[in-house]
PDB file of N, CA and C in Angstrom:
ATOM      1  N   UNK A   1      -2.145  -6.532  37.117  1.00  0.00           N
ATOM      2  CA  UNK A   1      -1.676  -6.543  37.035  1.00  0.00           C
ATOM      3  C   UNK A   1      -1.522  -6.059  35.373  1.00  0.00           C
ATOM      4  N   UNK A   2      -1.474  -4.952  35.084  1.00  0.00           N
ATOM      5  CA  UNK A   2      -1.420  -4.569  33.647  1.00  0.00           C
ATOM      6  C   UNK A   2       0.137  -4.772  32.743  1.00  0.00           C
ATOM      7  N   UNK A   3       0.051  -4.912  31.710  1.00  0.00           N
ATOM      8  CA  UNK A   3       1.675  -4.705  31.218  1.00  0.00           C
ATOM      9  C   UNK A   3       1.862  -3.195  30.800  1.00  0.00           C
ATOM     10  N   UNK A   4       3.041  -3.289  30.298  1.00  0.00           N
ATOM     11  CA  UNK A   4       4.224  -2.142  30.754  1.00  0.00           C
ATOM     12  C   UNK A   4       4.319  -1.566  29.236  1.00  0.00           C
ATOM     13  N   UNK A   5       4.564  -0.491  28.997  1.00  0.00           N
ATOM     14  CA  UNK A   5       4.108   0.842  27.999  1.00  0.00           C
ATOM     15  C   UNK A   5       5.479   0.621  26.956  1.00  0.00           C
ATOM     16  N   UNK A   6       5.482  -0.005  25.948  1.00  0.00           N
ATOM     17  CA  UNK A   6       6.877  -0.095  25.046  1.00  0.00           C
ATOM     18  C   UNK A   6       7.708   1.067  24.789  1.00  0.00           C
ATOM     19  N   UNK A   7       6.495   2.602  25.108  1.00  0.00           N
ATOM     20  CA  UNK A   7       7.022   3.595  24.617  1.00  0.00           C
ATOM     21  C   UNK A   7       7.498   4.538  25.552  1.00  0.00           C
ATOM     22  N   UNK A   8       7.507   5.079  26.689  1.00  0.00           N
ATOM     23  CA  UNK A   8       7.014   6.264  27.398  1.00  0.00           C
ATOM     24  C   UNK A   8       5.557   7.293  26.918  1.00  0.00           C
ATOM     25  N   UNK A   9       5.415   8.086  27.711  1.00  0.00           N
ATOM     26  CA  UNK A   9       5.297   9.203  27.402  1.00  0.00           C
ATOM     27  C   UNK A   9       5.620  10.210  26.495  1.00  0.00           C
ATOM     28  N   UNK A  10       7.092  10.717  27.184  1.00  0.00           N
ATOM     29  CA  UNK A  10       7.550  11.227  26.805  1.00  0.00           C
ATOM     30  C   UNK A  10       8.229  11.473  25.337  1.00  0.00           C
ATOM     31  N   UNK A  11       8.365   9.455  25.202  1.00  0.00           N
ATOM     32  CA  UNK A  11       9.046   9.266  23.856  1.00  0.00           C
ATOM     33  C   UNK A  11       8.230   9.538  22.603  1.00  0.00           C
ATOM     34  N   UNK A  12       7.090   9.607  23.480  1.00  0.00           N
ATOM     35  CA  UNK A  12       6.216   9.566  22.226  1.00  0.00           C
ATOM     36  C   UNK A  12       5.427  10.756  21.707  1.00  0.00           C
ATOM     37  N   UNK A  13       5.474  11.656  22.655  1.00  0.00           N
ATOM     38  CA  UNK A  13       5.258  13.636  22.668  1.00  0.00           C
ATOM     39  C   UNK A  13       6.591  14.061  21.846  1.00  0.00           C
ATOM     40  N   UNK A  14       8.033  13.069  22.764  1.00  0.00           N
ATOM     41  CA  UNK A  14       8.820  13.965  21.323  1.00  0.00           C
ATOM     42  C   UNK A  14       9.403  13.450  19.363  1.00  0.00           C
ATOM     43  N   UNK A  15       8.588  12.260  19.681  1.00  0.00           N
ATOM     44  CA  UNK A  15       8.288  11.648  18.198  1.00  0.00           C
ATOM     45  C   UNK A  15       7.394  12.527  17.830  1.00  0.00           C
ATOM     46  N   UNK A  16       6.586  13.349  18.464  1.00  0.00           N
ATOM     47  CA  UNK A  16       5.400  13.569  17.047  1.00  0.00           C
ATOM     48  C   UNK A  16       5.701  14.800  16.872  1.00  0.00           C
ATOM     49  N   UNK A  17       6.583  15.756  18.182  1.00  0.00           N
ATOM     50  CA  UNK A  17       6.849  16.995  17.879  1.00  0.00           C
ATOM     51  C   UNK A  17       8.220  16.770  16.593  1.00  0.00           C
ATOM     52  N   UNK A  18       8.677  16.121  17.266  1.00  0.00           N
ATOM     53  CA  UNK A  18       9.914  15.835  15.629  1.00  0.00           C
ATOM     54  C   UNK A  18       9.669  15.876  14.308  1.00  0.00           C
ATOM     55  N   UNK A  19       8.724  14.796  14.181  1.00  0.00           N
ATOM     56  CA  UNK A  19       7.972  14.473  13.351  1.00  0.00           C
ATOM     57  C   UNK A  19       7.301  16.049  12.493  1.00  0.00           C
ATOM     58  N   UNK A  20       6.002  16.081  13.526  1.00  0.00           N
ATOM     59  CA  UNK A  20       5.250  17.448  13.313  1.00  0.00           C
ATOM     60  C   UNK A  20       6.305  18.952  12.361  1.00  0.00           C
ATOM     61  N   UNK A  21       7.352  19.455  13.387  1.00  0.00           N
ATOM     62  CA  UNK A  21       8.508  20.409  13.213  1.00  0.00           C
ATOM     63  C   UNK A  21       9.413  19.929  11.433  1.00  0.00           C
ATOM     64  N   UNK A  22       9.099  18.619  11.159  1.00  0.00           N
ATOM     65  CA  UNK A  22      10.702  18.179  10.349  1.00  0.00           C
ATOM     66  C   UNK A  22      11.159  18.351  10.242  1.00  0.00           C
ATOM     67  N   UNK A  23      11.926  18.214  11.812  1.00  0.00           N
ATOM     68  CA  UNK A  23      13.177  17.574  11.666  1.00  0.00           C
ATOM     69  C   UNK A  23      13.602  16.091  11.788  1.00  0.00           C
ATOM     70  N   UNK A  24      12.959  14.857  11.589  1.00  0.00           N
ATOM     71  CA  UNK A  24      12.643  14.044  11.599  1.00  0.00           C
ATOM     72  C   UNK A  24      11.804  12.885  10.808  1.00  0.00           C
ATOM     73  N   UNK A  25      11.567  12.529  10.264  1.00  0.00           N
ATOM     74  CA  UNK A  25      10.965  11.606   9.673  1.00  0.00           C
ATOM     75  C   UNK A  25      10.460  10.452  10.231  1.00  0.00           C
ATOM     76  N   UNK A  26       9.697   9.604   9.758  1.00  0.00           N
ATOM     77  CA  UNK A  26       8.527   8.438  10.387  1.00  0.00           C
ATOM     78  C   UNK A  26       9.456   7.228  10.282  1.00  0.00           C
ATOM     79  N   UNK A  27      10.576   7.605   9.362  1.00  0.00           N
ATOM     80  CA  UNK A  27      11.015   6.711   9.294  1.00  0.00           C
ATOM     81  C   UNK A  27      12.268   6.259   9.944  1.00  0.00           C
ATOM     82  N   UNK A  28      12.970   7.740  10.752  1.00  0.00           N
ATOM     83  CA  UNK A  28      14.302   7.742  11.235  1.00  0.00           C
ATOM     84  C   UNK A  28      13.771   7.887  12.787  1.00  0.00           C
ATOM     85  N   UNK A  29      12.793   8.004  12.934  1.00  0.00           N
ATOM     86  CA  UNK A  29      11.595   7.879  14.427  1.00  0.00           C
ATOM     87  C   UNK A  29      11.345   6.628  14.863  1.00  0.00           C
ATOM     88  N   UNK A  30      11.328   5.320  13.538  1.00  0.00           N
ATOM     89  CA  UNK A  30      10.944   3.805  14.111  1.00  0.00           C
ATOM     90  C   UNK A  30      12.280   3.376  14.227  1.00  0.00           C
ATOM     91  N   UNK A  31      13.610   4.014  13.633  1.00  0.00           N
ATOM     92  CA  UNK A  31      14.508   3.344  13.486  1.00  0.00           C
ATOM     93  C   UNK A  31      15.512   4.319  14.813  1.00  0.00           C
ATOM     94  N   UNK A  32      15.287   5.171  15.396  1.00  0.00           N
ATOM     95  CA  UNK A  32      15.773   5.468  16.568  1.00  0.00           C
ATOM     96  C   UNK A  32      15.498   4.656  17.830  1.00  0.00           C
ATOM     97  N   UNK A  33      13.279   4.363  17.662  1.00  0.00           N
ATOM     98  CA  UNK A  33      13.322   3.643  18.750  1.00  0.00           C
ATOM     99  C   UNK A  33      12.855   3.039  18.614  1.00  0.00           C
ATOM    100  N   UNK A  34      13.625   1.424  17.844  1.00  0.00           N
ATOM    101  CA  UNK A  34      13.953   0.652  17.528  1.00  0.00           C
ATOM    102  C   UNK A  34      12.414  -0.317  17.491  1.00  0.00           C
ATOM    103  N   UNK A  35      11.738   0.201  16.505  1.00  0.00           N
ATOM    104  CA  UNK A  35      10.259  -0.321  17.073  1.00  0.00           C
ATOM    105  C   UNK A  35      10.385  -1.637  15.769  1.00  0.00           C
ATOM    106  N   UNK A  36      10.775  -2.233  14.774  1.00  0.00           N
ATOM    107  CA  UNK A  36      10.375  -2.980  13.644  1.00  0.00           C
ATOM    108  C   UNK A  36      10.543  -2.149  12.561  1.00  0.00           C
ATOM    109  N   UNK A  37       9.253  -3.637  11.451  1.00  0.00           N
ATOM    110  CA  UNK A  37       9.019  -3.185  10.334  1.00  0.00           C
ATOM    111  C   UNK A  37       7.882  -2.112  10.444  1.00  0.00           C
ATOM    112  N   UNK A  38       6.731  -1.969  11.404  1.00  0.00           N
ATOM    113  CA  UNK A  38       5.653  -1.205  11.396  1.00  0.00           C
ATOM    114  C   UNK A  38       5.600  -0.340  11.862  1.00  0.00           C
ATOM    115  N   UNK A  39       6.939   0.473  12.798  1.00  0.00           N
ATOM    116  CA  UNK A  39       7.100   1.591  13.553  1.00  0.00           C
ATOM    117  C   UNK A  39       6.692   2.655  12.688  1.00  0.00           C
ATOM    118  N   UNK A  40       6.676   2.890  11.024  1.00  0.00           N
ATOM    119  CA  UNK A  40       6.412   4.157  11.145  1.00  0.00           C
ATOM    120  C   UNK A  40       5.144   4.195  10.651  1.00  0.00           C
ATOM    121  N   UNK A  41       4.154   3.394  10.411  1.00  0.00           N
ATOM    122  CA  UNK A  41       2.561   3.327  10.776  1.00  0.00           C
ATOM    123  C   UNK A  41       2.720   4.026  11.647  1.00  0.00           C
ATOM    124  N   UNK A  42       3.107   3.933  13.108  1.00  0.00           N
ATOM    125  CA  UNK A  42       2.740   3.579  14.483  1.00  0.00           C
ATOM    126  C   UNK A  42       3.112   4.803  14.815  1.00  0.00           C
ATOM    127  N   UNK A  43       3.941   5.557  14.403  1.00  0.00           N
ATOM    128  CA  UNK A  43       4.165   6.825  14.419  1.00  0.00           C
ATOM    129  C   UNK A  43       3.276   7.633  13.685  1.00  0.00           C
ATOM    130  N   UNK A  44       2.906   7.838  12.443  1.00  0.00           N
ATOM    131  CA  UNK A  44       1.920   8.797  12.235  1.00  0.00           C
ATOM    132  C   UNK A  44       0.905   8.454  13.267  1.00  0.00           C
ATOM    133  N   UNK A  45       0.645   7.193  13.629  1.00  0.00           N
ATOM    134  CA  UNK A  45      -1.017   7.220  14.589  1.00  0.00           C
ATOM    135  C   UNK A  45      -0.533   8.128  15.627  1.00  0.00           C
ATOM    136  N   UNK A  46       0.177   7.934  16.065  1.00  0.00           N
ATOM    137  CA  UNK A  46       0.321   8.829  17.624  1.00  0.00           C
ATOM    138  C   UNK A  46       0.824  10.226  16.614  1.00  0.00           C
ATOM    139  N   UNK A  47       1.163  10.329  15.777  1.00  0.00           N
ATOM    140  CA  UNK A  47       1.258  12.034  15.253  1.00  0.00           C
ATOM    141  C   UNK A  47      -0.174  12.251  15.386  1.00  0.00           C
ATOM    142  N   UNK A  48      -1.187  11.138  14.478  1.00  0.00           N
ATOM    143  CA  UNK A  48      -2.353  11.778  13.817  1.00  0.00           C
ATOM    144  C   UNK A  48      -3.524  12.438  15.244  1.00  0.00           C
ATOM    145  N   UNK A  49      -3.452  11.164  16.503  1.00  0.00           N
ATOM    146  CA  UNK A  49      -3.965  11.659  18.131  1.00  0.00           C
ATOM    147  C   UNK A  49      -3.126  12.591  18.510  1.00  0.00           C
ATOM    148  N   UNK A  50      -2.034  12.949  18.637  1.00  0.00           N
ATOM    149  CA  UNK A  50      -1.160  14.250  18.767  1.00  0.00           C
ATOM    150  C   UNK A  50      -1.943  15.105  18.651  1.00  0.00           C
ATOM    151  N   UNK A  51      -2.290  15.354  17.281  1.00  0.00           N
ATOM    152  CA  UNK A  51      -2.599  16.547  15.789  1.00  0.00           C
ATOM    153  C   UNK A  51      -4.261  17.144  16.579  1.00  0.00           C
ATOM    154  N   UNK A  52      -5.250  15.618  17.282  1.00  0.00           N
ATOM    155  CA  UNK A  52      -5.895  15.718  17.987  1.00  0.00           C
ATOM    156  C   UNK A  52      -6.246  16.861  19.645  1.00  0.00           C
ATOM    157  N   UNK A  53      -5.040  15.696  19.769  1.00  0.00           N
ATOM    158  CA  UNK A  53      -5.610  15.638  21.534  1.00  0.00           C
ATOM    159  C   UNK A  53      -4.591  16.310  22.551  1.00  0.00           C
ATOM    160  N   UNK A  54      -3.299  16.401  21.681  1.00  0.00           N
ATOM    161  CA  UNK A  54      -2.308  16.634  22.412  1.00  0.00           C
ATOM    162  C   UNK A  54      -1.452  15.725  22.921  1.00  0.00           C
ATOM    163  N   UNK A  55      -0.361  16.361  24.327  1.00  0.00           N
ATOM    164  CA  UNK A  55       0.359  15.442  24.815  1.00  0.00           C
ATOM    165  C   UNK A  55      -0.722  14.976  25.532  1.00  0.00           C
ATOM    166  N   UNK A  56      -1.764  14.991  25.994  1.00  0.00           N
ATOM    167  CA  UNK A  56      -2.509  13.925  27.048  1.00  0.00           C
ATOM    168  C   UNK A  56      -3.167  12.662  26.080  1.00  0.00           C
ATOM    169  N   UNK A  57      -3.174  12.745  25.345  1.00  0.00           N
ATOM    170  CA  UNK A  57      -3.835  11.466  24.906  1.00  0.00           C
ATOM    171  C   UNK A  57      -2.685  10.033  24.950  1.00  0.00           C
ATOM    172  N   UNK A  58      -1.575  10.479  25.784  1.00  0.00           N
ATOM    173  CA  UNK A  58      -0.656   9.226  26.016  1.00  0.00           C
ATOM    174  C   UNK A  58      -0.262   8.930  27.652  1.00  0.00           C
ATOM    175  N   UNK A  59      -1.400   9.994  28.246  1.00  0.00           N
ATOM    176  CA  UNK A  59      -1.359   9.490  29.435  1.00  0.00           C
ATOM    177  C   UNK A  59      -1.796   8.338  30.112  1.00  0.00           C
ATOM    178  N   UNK A  60      -1.227   7.875  31.316  1.00  0.00           N
ATOM    179  CA  UNK A  60      -1.899   6.321  31.337  1.00  0.00           C
ATOM    180  C   UNK A  60      -3.287   6.090  31.764  1.00  0.00           C
ATOM    181  N   UNK A  61      -3.950   5.142  31.225  1.00  0.00           N
ATOM    182  CA  UNK A  61      -5.078   4.861  31.057  1.00  0.00           C
ATOM    183  C   UNK A  61      -5.634   4.097  31.903  1.00  0.00           C
ATOM    184  N   UNK A  62      -6.712   4.019  32.858  1.00  0.00           N
ATOM    185  CA  UNK A  62      -7.118   2.375  33.872  1.00  0.00           C
ATOM    186  C   UNK A  62      -7.011   1.433  32.941  1.00  0.00           C
ATOM    187  N   UNK A  63      -7.583   1.449  31.816  1.00  0.00           N
ATOM    188  CA  UNK A  63      -7.334  -0.019  30.907  1.00  0.00           C
ATOM    189  C   UNK A  63      -6.186  -0.434  30.984  1.00  0.00           C
ATOM    190  N   UNK A  64      -5.007   0.024  30.846  1.00  0.00           N
ATOM    191  CA  UNK A  64      -3.727  -0.505  30.813  1.00  0.00           C
ATOM    192  C   UNK A  64      -3.371  -1.024  31.747  1.00  0.00           C
ATOM    193  N   UNK A  65      -3.919  -1.224  33.340  1.00  0.00           N
ATOM    194  CA  UNK A  65      -2.901  -1.074  34.206  1.00  0.00           C
ATOM    195  C   UNK A  65      -3.251  -2.436  35.080  1.00  0.00           C
TER     196      UNK A  65
END
């Protein structure tokens, strides 16, 4: 049994697209997703991965099942 992801693939993709388009800051996304104090840094990590690999980076991985 794997652990459940805290954020869905759709939430992560939307967060990256909102950030990259300039509609929202990492801080705004952190607040919307109720991420806690280190959430903005996590959003920026998502964006970095998203730029390189696209939305497929957020697909479920077998190591988390």
